[in-house]
Amino acid sequence: MSEKEPQKEEINKEYSVGDDKKDVDFFIKHIDNPCGTEVDGKEFNIKEFYIREAKKLLDENNPKRLTDPEQIEKLKEKINEYKGKDKEA
């Protein structure tokens, strides 16, 4: 088991897949305010990780995908808000 697997499991315990509103609220919170650290004067965060995980909830091939149209739209808007922002700097 790699070091990344336990971290992912820990993150997934913080929201309950199956409750669209809770899932979307979790990801919006973490996309807007991702965990981060500073290394050699450069800031790093895991926003891209949260965006990738959020996209999985929109994947129609995912059996645990979101089903509430309002929550789907809300999450898509948040993902699109950050699309390319980090690459502009």
Foldseek 3Di string as FASTA:
>chain_A
DDPVVVVVVVLVVCFDQPDLVRLLVSLLVCLVPFDWDADPNRIDGCNVVSLVVLVLLVDPVRPSHDDDPVSSVSNVVSSVVCVCVVVVD
